[in-house]
Amino acid sequence: MAQAKLNMEKVEHQRLRKMLADMLAIHANRLESQGLDSAILFKQMAAGAERFCNEVLVDVAAANMCRETFEAMHQLERATILCGRAAA
């Protein structure tokens, strides 16, 4: 099954892409500067955005982008935790 892609001609998809990029950048910054507890909020926002796109907008492409952002945040958190353990 082919995965739906964002249509960058749609203003909604352009704004979603910018919002997710900003959330990912803030998540990474918070993870580095303030720790996991502060960063988790942004991962939860990505999960909420995915549910909104699925259930309210019924936009599979947008929901997939939110899910990919959530997964990227999760992987970054795991890497940060593992690097912290290795340094200790």
C-alpha atoms as a PDB file:
ATOM      1  CA  MET A   1       0.000   0.000   0.000  1.00  0.00           C
ATOM      2  CA  ALA A   2       1.384   3.393  -0.980  1.00  0.00           C
ATOM      3  CA  GLN A   3       1.679   5.888   1.825  1.00  0.00           C
ATOM      4  CA  ALA A   4      -0.250   9.130   1.376  1.00  0.00           C
ATOM      5  CA  LYS A   5       1.980  12.183   1.045  1.00  0.00           C
ATOM      6  CA  LEU A   6       1.359  15.779   1.998  1.00  0.00           C
ATOM      7  CA  ASN A   7       0.120  17.937  -0.848  1.00  0.00           C
ATOM      8  CA  MET A   8       2.244  21.055  -0.551  1.00  0.00           C
ATOM      9  CA  GLU A   9      -0.226  22.957  -2.722  1.00  0.00           C
ATOM     10  CA  LYS A  10      -2.690  22.825   0.185  1.00  0.00           C
ATOM     11  CA  VAL A  11      -2.158  25.639   2.665  1.00  0.00           C
ATOM     12  CA  GLU A  12      -3.233  23.345   5.503  1.00  0.00           C
ATOM     13  CA  HIS A  13      -0.452  20.880   4.696  1.00  0.00           C
ATOM     14  CA  GLN A  14       2.117  23.686   4.429  1.00  0.00           C
ATOM     15  CA  ARG A  15       1.126  24.977   7.855  1.00  0.00           C
ATOM     16  CA  LEU A  16       1.108  21.497   9.361  1.00  0.00           C
ATOM     17  CA  ARG A  17       4.594  20.837   8.019  1.00  0.00           C
ATOM     18  CA  LYS A  18       5.893  24.091   9.541  1.00  0.00           C
ATOM     19  CA  MET A  19       4.165  23.399  12.865  1.00  0.00           C
ATOM     20  CA  LEU A  20       5.621  19.883  13.064  1.00  0.00           C
ATOM     21  CA  ALA A  21       9.096  21.116  12.125  1.00  0.00           C
ATOM     22  CA  ASP A  22       8.885  23.755  14.852  1.00  0.00           C
ATOM     23  CA  MET A  23       7.641  21.190  17.371  1.00  0.00           C
ATOM     24  CA  LEU A  24      10.482  18.816  16.491  1.00  0.00           C
ATOM     25  CA  ALA A  25      13.075  21.574  16.865  1.00  0.00           C
ATOM     26  CA  ILE A  26      11.673  22.725  20.214  1.00  0.00           C
ATOM     27  CA  HIS A  27      11.468  19.108  21.404  1.00  0.00           C
ATOM     28  CA  ALA A  28      15.149  18.563  20.581  1.00  0.00           C
ATOM     29  CA  ASN A  29      16.125  21.841  22.236  1.00  0.00           C
ATOM     30  CA  ARG A  30      14.144  21.068  25.387  1.00  0.00           C
ATOM     31  CA  LEU A  31      15.511  17.545  25.496  1.00  0.00           C
ATOM     32  CA  GLU A  32      19.059  18.891  25.470  1.00  0.00           C
ATOM     33  CA  SER A  33      18.566  21.881  27.754  1.00  0.00           C
ATOM     34  CA  GLN A  34      15.777  20.941  30.175  1.00  0.00           C
ATOM     35  CA  GLY A  35      15.533  17.176  30.057  1.00  0.00           C
ATOM     36  CA  LEU A  36      13.072  14.475  29.134  1.00  0.00           C
ATOM     37  CA  ASP A  37      10.122  15.668  31.229  1.00  0.00           C
ATOM     38  CA  SER A  38      10.038  19.026  29.472  1.00  0.00           C
ATOM     39  CA  ALA A  39      10.442  17.497  26.001  1.00  0.00           C
ATOM     40  CA  ILE A  40       7.711  14.876  26.371  1.00  0.00           C
ATOM     41  CA  LEU A  41       5.037  17.582  26.134  1.00  0.00           C
ATOM     42  CA  PHE A  42       5.912  18.133  22.473  1.00  0.00           C
ATOM     43  CA  LYS A  43       5.777  14.420  21.689  1.00  0.00           C
ATOM     44  CA  GLN A  44       2.312  14.348  23.248  1.00  0.00           C
ATOM     45  CA  MET A  45       1.313  17.305  21.058  1.00  0.00           C
ATOM     46  CA  ALA A  46       2.366  15.355  17.962  1.00  0.00           C
ATOM     47  CA  ALA A  47       0.263  12.390  19.115  1.00  0.00           C
ATOM     48  CA  GLY A  48      -2.713  14.697  19.666  1.00  0.00           C
ATOM     49  CA  ALA A  49      -2.255  16.262  16.235  1.00  0.00           C
ATOM     50  CA  GLU A  50      -2.255  12.781  14.699  1.00  0.00           C
ATOM     51  CA  ARG A  51      -5.546  11.917  16.398  1.00  0.00           C
ATOM     52  CA  PHE A  52      -7.046  15.241  15.294  1.00  0.00           C
ATOM     53  CA  CYS A  53      -5.993  14.666  11.678  1.00  0.00           C
ATOM     54  CA  ASN A  54      -7.373  11.128  11.730  1.00  0.00           C
ATOM     55  CA  GLU A  55     -10.654  11.702  13.517  1.00  0.00           C
ATOM     56  CA  VAL A  56     -11.647  15.300  12.757  1.00  0.00           C
ATOM     57  CA  LEU A  57     -10.002  16.168   9.462  1.00  0.00           C
ATOM     58  CA  VAL A  58      -9.995  12.581   8.132  1.00  0.00           C
ATOM     59  CA  ASP A  59      -6.704  13.410   6.421  1.00  0.00           C
ATOM     60  CA  VAL A  60      -4.488  10.338   6.190  1.00  0.00           C
ATOM     61  CA  ALA A  61      -1.497  12.206   4.759  1.00  0.00           C
ATOM     62  CA  ALA A  62      -1.531  14.748   7.575  1.00  0.00           C
ATOM     63  CA  ALA A  63      -1.965  12.028  10.199  1.00  0.00           C
ATOM     64  CA  ASN A  64       0.982  10.109   8.733  1.00  0.00           C
ATOM     65  CA  MET A  65       3.207  13.179   8.938  1.00  0.00           C
ATOM     66  CA  CYS A  66       2.225  13.679  12.580  1.00  0.00           C
ATOM     67  CA  ARG A  67       2.964  10.016  13.293  1.00  0.00           C
ATOM     68  CA  GLU A  68       6.377  10.269  11.628  1.00  0.00           C
ATOM     69  CA  THR A  69       7.173  13.334  13.742  1.00  0.00           C
ATOM     70  CA  PHE A  70       6.090  11.481  16.889  1.00  0.00           C
ATOM     71  CA  GLU A  71       8.341   8.557  15.942  1.00  0.00           C
ATOM     72  CA  ALA A  72      11.296  10.881  15.285  1.00  0.00           C
ATOM     73  CA  MET A  73      10.828  12.455  18.709  1.00  0.00           C
ATOM     74  CA  HIS A  74      10.616   9.041  20.336  1.00  0.00           C
ATOM     75  CA  GLN A  75      13.837   7.902  18.653  1.00  0.00           C
ATOM     76  CA  LEU A  76      15.599  11.094  19.724  1.00  0.00           C
ATOM     77  CA  GLU A  77      14.496  10.527  23.319  1.00  0.00           C
ATOM     78  CA  ARG A  78      15.751   6.940  23.234  1.00  0.00           C
ATOM     79  CA  ALA A  79      19.107   8.022  21.814  1.00  0.00           C
ATOM     80  CA  THR A  80      19.439  10.722  24.470  1.00  0.00           C
ATOM     81  CA  ILE A  81      18.681   8.245  27.252  1.00  0.00           C
ATOM     82  CA  LEU A  82      21.131   5.687  25.868  1.00  0.00           C
ATOM     83  CA  CYS A  83      23.871   8.289  25.444  1.00  0.00           C
ATOM     84  CA  GLY A  84      23.289   9.453  29.010  1.00  0.00           C
ATOM     85  CA  ARG A  85      23.682   5.912  30.290  1.00  0.00           C
ATOM     86  CA  ALA A  86      26.815   5.367  28.243  1.00  0.00           C
ATOM     87  CA  ALA A  87      28.374   8.553  29.610  1.00  0.00           C
ATOM     88  CA  ALA A  88      27.617   7.620  33.216  1.00  0.00           C
END
